Amino acid sequence: MSPREAIAFVERHGVVLQAARGPAPSLAEAIAGEPIRGSWWGHAKGRIIFRAARAVCESPDVLVCKLIDDKVTYVHRRLWPALVKLAPRFAKERLAKVWDEHTETGAHVLRQIPFPDWVPRDVMEEAARLSPLEAQRVLSKVLAWKPAKRGTLRPGKTADPNDAAERRSHRASA
């Protein structure tokens, strides 16, 4: 898969995990053509995965965040209005735009732009016009992912801040 094909893969699927398993396809496994045991860095196609992931991360049409299970998640721009509309259903830190930066010492540092600071004005305007029902339809796979721990999602339950159990859990951990 070329870098251009990787971006098209994210556009086609809307929400894609970089390498984890979950409710969205995994870019690394799509490139590998098989489930990956352990780190994709050690896979025979690791260099191809790296180039594709870098291209996706650099695309202005892809939000890189930790939306699903605190794993690197790619969200294509066509889904941003729905994500903005339903933002109250997600922990704010999961909607931050994230990237790795190399320091002068060679260490990796995670950088982020908090939500909604990264959201373009036209996306905010489109989100305002979008009905909650349509936004839910667009993000149905992600919304059906149950919290694995506070602020993340795993299969089976909608992460809804209005849910009584969710509120009790939040109060207990606060």
C-alpha atoms as a PDB file:
ATOM      1  CA  MET A   1       0.000   0.000   0.000  1.00  0.00           C
ATOM      2  CA  SER A   2       1.425   3.335  -1.025  1.00  0.00           C
ATOM      3  CA  PRO A   3       1.163   6.429   1.172  1.00  0.00           C
ATOM      4  CA  ARG A   4      -1.534   7.790  -1.166  1.00  0.00           C
ATOM      5  CA  GLU A   5      -3.465   4.509  -0.908  1.00  0.00           C
ATOM      6  CA  ALA A   6      -3.181   4.654   2.898  1.00  0.00           C
ATOM      7  CA  ILE A   7      -4.827   8.089   2.952  1.00  0.00           C
ATOM      8  CA  ALA A   8      -7.545   6.790   0.607  1.00  0.00           C
ATOM      9  CA  PHE A   9      -8.043   3.842   3.006  1.00  0.00           C
ATOM     10  CA  VAL A  10      -8.694   6.282   5.879  1.00  0.00           C
ATOM     11  CA  GLU A  11     -11.007   8.351   3.679  1.00  0.00           C
ATOM     12  CA  ARG A  12     -12.972   5.256   2.655  1.00  0.00           C
ATOM     13  CA  HIS A  13     -13.369   3.901   6.202  1.00  0.00           C
ATOM     14  CA  GLY A  14     -13.670   7.251   8.024  1.00  0.00           C
ATOM     15  CA  VAL A  15     -12.208   5.994  11.322  1.00  0.00           C
ATOM     16  CA  VAL A  16      -9.115   3.765  11.271  1.00  0.00           C
ATOM     17  CA  LEU A  17      -6.835   2.530  14.027  1.00  0.00           C
ATOM     18  CA  GLN A  18      -3.127   2.808  13.315  1.00  0.00           C
ATOM     19  CA  ALA A  19      -2.350  -0.701  14.552  1.00  0.00           C
ATOM     20  CA  ALA A  20      -4.728  -1.743  17.348  1.00  0.00           C
ATOM     21  CA  ARG A  21      -7.742  -4.018  17.081  1.00  0.00           C
ATOM     22  CA  GLY A  22     -11.156  -2.528  17.663  1.00  0.00           C
ATOM     23  CA  PRO A  23     -14.352  -1.322  16.000  1.00  0.00           C
ATOM     24  CA  ALA A  24     -12.424   0.225  13.118  1.00  0.00           C
ATOM     25  CA  PRO A  25     -10.022  -1.299  10.605  1.00  0.00           C
ATOM     26  CA  SER A  26      -6.311  -1.339  11.421  1.00  0.00           C
ATOM     27  CA  LEU A  27      -4.055   0.354   8.871  1.00  0.00           C
ATOM     28  CA  ALA A  28      -1.106  -1.817   9.874  1.00  0.00           C
ATOM     29  CA  GLU A  29      -3.068  -5.049   9.453  1.00  0.00           C
ATOM     30  CA  ALA A  30      -4.549  -3.883   6.151  1.00  0.00           C
ATOM     31  CA  ILE A  31      -1.024  -3.337   4.845  1.00  0.00           C
ATOM     32  CA  ALA A  32       0.310  -6.567   6.335  1.00  0.00           C
ATOM     33  CA  GLY A  33      -2.626  -8.519   4.947  1.00  0.00           C
ATOM     34  CA  GLU A  34      -2.854 -10.458   8.209  1.00  0.00           C
ATOM     35  CA  PRO A  35      -3.220  -9.986  11.962  1.00  0.00           C
ATOM     36  CA  ILE A  36       0.017  -8.728  13.491  1.00  0.00           C
ATOM     37  CA  ARG A  37       1.326 -10.320  16.667  1.00  0.00           C
ATOM     38  CA  GLY A  38       3.334  -7.915  18.790  1.00  0.00           C
ATOM     39  CA  SER A  39       4.607  -4.667  17.354  1.00  0.00           C
ATOM     40  CA  TRP A  40       4.172  -3.870  13.681  1.00  0.00           C
ATOM     41  CA  TRP A  41       7.727  -2.498  13.718  1.00  0.00           C
ATOM     42  CA  GLY A  42       9.009  -6.071  13.646  1.00  0.00           C
ATOM     43  CA  HIS A  43       6.718  -7.191  10.827  1.00  0.00           C
ATOM     44  CA  ALA A  44       8.195  -7.896   7.386  1.00  0.00           C
ATOM     45  CA  LYS A  45       6.162  -4.958   6.043  1.00  0.00           C
ATOM     46  CA  GLY A  46       7.107  -2.668   8.942  1.00  0.00           C
ATOM     47  CA  ARG A  47       8.826  -0.093   6.721  1.00  0.00           C
ATOM     48  CA  ILE A  48       5.815   0.091   4.396  1.00  0.00           C
ATOM     49  CA  ILE A  49       3.533   0.484   7.409  1.00  0.00           C
ATOM     50  CA  PHE A  50       5.778   3.264   8.749  1.00  0.00           C
ATOM     51  CA  ARG A  51       5.749   5.204   5.467  1.00  0.00           C
ATOM     52  CA  ALA A  52       1.973   4.825   5.135  1.00  0.00           C
ATOM     53  CA  ALA A  53       1.343   5.857   8.753  1.00  0.00           C
ATOM     54  CA  ARG A  54       3.604   8.885   8.376  1.00  0.00           C
ATOM     55  CA  ALA A  55       1.745   9.989   5.236  1.00  0.00           C
ATOM     56  CA  VAL A  56      -1.617   9.606   6.980  1.00  0.00           C
ATOM     57  CA  CYS A  57      -0.365  11.547  10.014  1.00  0.00           C
ATOM     58  CA  GLU A  58       0.871  14.377   7.782  1.00  0.00           C
ATOM     59  CA  SER A  59      -2.369  14.627   5.798  1.00  0.00           C
ATOM     60  CA  PRO A  60      -4.352  17.815   6.505  1.00  0.00           C
ATOM     61  CA  ASP A  61      -7.514  15.760   5.950  1.00  0.00           C
ATOM     62  CA  VAL A  62      -6.833  13.356   8.826  1.00  0.00           C
ATOM     63  CA  LEU A  63      -7.164  13.977  12.551  1.00  0.00           C
ATOM     64  CA  VAL A  64      -4.727  11.870  14.550  1.00  0.00           C
ATOM     65  CA  CYS A  65      -6.115  11.370  18.045  1.00  0.00           C
ATOM     66  CA  LYS A  66      -6.513   8.709  20.756  1.00  0.00           C
ATOM     67  CA  LEU A  67     -10.255   8.264  20.231  1.00  0.00           C
ATOM     68  CA  ILE A  68     -10.492   4.484  20.681  1.00  0.00           C
ATOM     69  CA  ASP A  69      -8.952   2.778  23.729  1.00  0.00           C
ATOM     70  CA  ASP A  70      -6.254   5.462  23.962  1.00  0.00           C
ATOM     71  CA  LYS A  71      -4.747   4.056  20.743  1.00  0.00           C
ATOM     72  CA  VAL A  72      -3.663   6.101  17.737  1.00  0.00           C
ATOM     73  CA  THR A  73      -6.841   6.658  15.749  1.00  0.00           C
ATOM     74  CA  TYR A  74      -7.196   8.347  12.367  1.00  0.00           C
ATOM     75  CA  VAL A  75     -10.418  10.242  11.650  1.00  0.00           C
ATOM     76  CA  HIS A  76     -10.997  11.514   8.118  1.00  0.00           C
ATOM     77  CA  ARG A  77     -12.143  15.112   7.698  1.00  0.00           C
ATOM     78  CA  ARG A  78     -15.543  14.056   6.322  1.00  0.00           C
ATOM     79  CA  LEU A  79     -16.390  12.746   9.825  1.00  0.00           C
ATOM     80  CA  TRP A  80     -15.134  15.777  11.755  1.00  0.00           C
ATOM     81  CA  PRO A  81     -18.521  17.563  11.816  1.00  0.00           C
ATOM     82  CA  ALA A  82     -20.160  14.498  13.390  1.00  0.00           C
ATOM     83  CA  LEU A  83     -17.297  14.197  15.871  1.00  0.00           C
ATOM     84  CA  VAL A  84     -17.681  17.863  16.832  1.00  0.00           C
ATOM     85  CA  LYS A  85     -21.465  17.539  17.141  1.00  0.00           C
ATOM     86  CA  LEU A  86     -21.139  14.583  19.497  1.00  0.00           C
ATOM     87  CA  ALA A  87     -18.031  15.818  21.327  1.00  0.00           C
ATOM     88  CA  PRO A  88     -19.816  15.913  24.721  1.00  0.00           C
ATOM     89  CA  ARG A  89     -20.083  12.108  24.517  1.00  0.00           C
ATOM     90  CA  PHE A  90     -16.324  11.705  24.510  1.00  0.00           C
ATOM     91  CA  ALA A  91     -13.642  12.505  27.045  1.00  0.00           C
ATOM     92  CA  LYS A  92     -12.118  15.763  25.805  1.00  0.00           C
ATOM     93  CA  GLU A  93      -8.558  14.379  25.829  1.00  0.00           C
ATOM     94  CA  ARG A  94      -9.575  11.694  23.302  1.00  0.00           C
ATOM     95  CA  LEU A  95     -10.463  14.448  20.824  1.00  0.00           C
ATOM     96  CA  ALA A  96      -7.112  16.238  21.067  1.00  0.00           C
ATOM     97  CA  LYS A  97      -4.986  16.307  17.913  1.00  0.00           C
ATOM     98  CA  VAL A  98      -1.792  14.389  18.756  1.00  0.00           C
ATOM     99  CA  TRP A  99       1.593  13.804  17.160  1.00  0.00           C
ATOM    100  CA  ASP A 100       5.060  12.572  18.124  1.00  0.00           C
ATOM    101  CA  GLU A 101       7.925  14.991  18.007  1.00  0.00           C
ATOM    102  CA  HIS A 102      11.607  14.132  18.138  1.00  0.00           C
ATOM    103  CA  THR A 103      13.623  16.176  20.618  1.00  0.00           C
ATOM    104  CA  GLU A 104      17.252  17.159  20.122  1.00  0.00           C
ATOM    105  CA  THR A 105      18.243  14.154  22.256  1.00  0.00           C
ATOM    106  CA  GLY A 106      16.321  11.812  19.946  1.00  0.00           C
ATOM    107  CA  ALA A 107      13.561  11.128  22.452  1.00  0.00           C
ATOM    108  CA  HIS A 108       9.919  11.033  21.335  1.00  0.00           C
ATOM    109  CA  VAL A 109       7.560  13.519  22.961  1.00  0.00           C
ATOM    110  CA  LEU A 110       3.799  13.384  22.504  1.00  0.00           C
ATOM    111  CA  ARG A 111       2.449  16.801  21.525  1.00  0.00           C
ATOM    112  CA  GLN A 112      -1.173  17.795  21.310  1.00  0.00           C
ATOM    113  CA  ILE A 113      -3.606  20.533  20.405  1.00  0.00           C
ATOM    114  CA  PRO A 114      -6.655  20.322  22.661  1.00  0.00           C
ATOM    115  CA  PHE A 115     -10.173  19.982  21.319  1.00  0.00           C
ATOM    116  CA  PRO A 116     -11.682  22.196  19.910  1.00  0.00           C
ATOM    117  CA  ASP A 117      -8.629  24.368  19.179  1.00  0.00           C
ATOM    118  CA  TRP A 118      -7.699  22.268  16.102  1.00  0.00           C
ATOM    119  CA  VAL A 119     -11.209  22.352  14.566  1.00  0.00           C
ATOM    120  CA  PRO A 120     -11.459  24.553  11.449  1.00  0.00           C
ATOM    121  CA  ARG A 121     -14.255  27.139  11.372  1.00  0.00           C
ATOM    122  CA  ASP A 122     -16.018  25.511   8.395  1.00  0.00           C
ATOM    123  CA  VAL A 123     -16.188  22.206  10.281  1.00  0.00           C
ATOM    124  CA  MET A 124     -17.680  23.957  13.345  1.00  0.00           C
ATOM    125  CA  GLU A 125     -20.296  25.568  11.102  1.00  0.00           C
ATOM    126  CA  GLU A 126     -21.136  22.265   9.426  1.00  0.00           C
ATOM    127  CA  ALA A 127     -21.383  20.568  12.842  1.00  0.00           C
ATOM    128  CA  ALA A 128     -23.862  23.224  13.977  1.00  0.00           C
ATOM    129  CA  ARG A 129     -26.097  22.379  10.993  1.00  0.00           C
ATOM    130  CA  LEU A 130     -25.809  18.608  11.508  1.00  0.00           C
ATOM    131  CA  SER A 131     -28.585  16.856  13.426  1.00  0.00           C
ATOM    132  CA  PRO A 132     -27.525  14.725  16.404  1.00  0.00           C
ATOM    133  CA  LEU A 133     -29.256  11.743  14.792  1.00  0.00           C
ATOM    134  CA  GLU A 134     -27.232  12.084  11.594  1.00  0.00           C
ATOM    135  CA  ALA A 135     -24.019  12.528  13.600  1.00  0.00           C
ATOM    136  CA  GLN A 136     -24.833   9.346  15.533  1.00  0.00           C
ATOM    137  CA  ARG A 137     -25.400   7.480  12.275  1.00  0.00           C
ATOM    138  CA  VAL A 138     -22.065   8.631  10.890  1.00  0.00           C
ATOM    139  CA  LEU A 139     -20.188   7.605  14.047  1.00  0.00           C
ATOM    140  CA  SER A 140     -22.255   4.520  14.923  1.00  0.00           C
ATOM    141  CA  LYS A 141     -19.260   2.143  14.988  1.00  0.00           C
ATOM    142  CA  VAL A 142     -17.353   4.369  17.386  1.00  0.00           C
ATOM    143  CA  LEU A 143     -20.381   5.075  19.587  1.00  0.00           C
ATOM    144  CA  ALA A 144     -21.021   1.351  20.015  1.00  0.00           C
ATOM    145  CA  TRP A 145     -17.561   0.924  21.529  1.00  0.00           C
ATOM    146  CA  LYS A 146     -17.822   0.504  25.351  1.00  0.00           C
ATOM    147  CA  PRO A 147     -15.447   2.298  27.732  1.00  0.00           C
ATOM    148  CA  ALA A 148     -12.516   0.021  28.571  1.00  0.00           C
ATOM    149  CA  LYS A 149     -11.366   2.498  31.194  1.00  0.00           C
ATOM    150  CA  ARG A 150     -12.263   6.074  31.948  1.00  0.00           C
ATOM    151  CA  GLY A 151     -12.095   8.120  28.770  1.00  0.00           C
ATOM    152  CA  THR A 152     -11.716   5.228  26.323  1.00  0.00           C
ATOM    153  CA  LEU A 153     -14.148   3.040  24.434  1.00  0.00           C
ATOM    154  CA  ARG A 154     -14.533  -0.723  23.920  1.00  0.00           C
ATOM    155  CA  PRO A 155     -17.325  -2.784  22.289  1.00  0.00           C
ATOM    156  CA  GLY A 156     -20.790  -3.130  23.672  1.00  0.00           C
ATOM    157  CA  LYS A 157     -21.939   0.164  25.161  1.00  0.00           C
ATOM    158  CA  THR A 158     -22.446   3.698  23.969  1.00  0.00           C
ATOM    159  CA  ALA A 159     -20.257   6.197  25.775  1.00  0.00           C
ATOM    160  CA  ASP A 160     -22.971   8.644  26.768  1.00  0.00           C
ATOM    161  CA  PRO A 161     -22.264  11.148  29.565  1.00  0.00           C
ATOM    162  CA  ASN A 162     -25.990  11.124  30.350  1.00  0.00           C
ATOM    163  CA  ASP A 163     -25.828   7.419  31.203  1.00  0.00           C
ATOM    164  CA  ALA A 164     -26.379   6.956  34.968  1.00  0.00           C
ATOM    165  CA  ALA A 165     -23.684   4.287  35.353  1.00  0.00           C
ATOM    166  CA  GLU A 166     -21.233   6.471  33.481  1.00  0.00           C
ATOM    167  CA  ARG A 167     -22.006   9.416  35.803  1.00  0.00           C
ATOM    168  CA  ARG A 168     -21.592   7.247  38.939  1.00  0.00           C
ATOM    169  CA  SER A 169     -18.306   5.882  37.636  1.00  0.00           C
ATOM    170  CA  HIS A 170     -17.105   9.411  36.835  1.00  0.00           C
ATOM    171  CA  ARG A 171     -18.068  10.712  40.312  1.00  0.00           C
ATOM    172  CA  ALA A 172     -16.406   7.746  42.017  1.00  0.00           C
ATOM    173  CA  SER A 173     -13.124   8.330  40.189  1.00  0.00           C
ATOM    174  CA  ALA A 174     -13.146  12.122  40.673  1.00  0.00           C
END
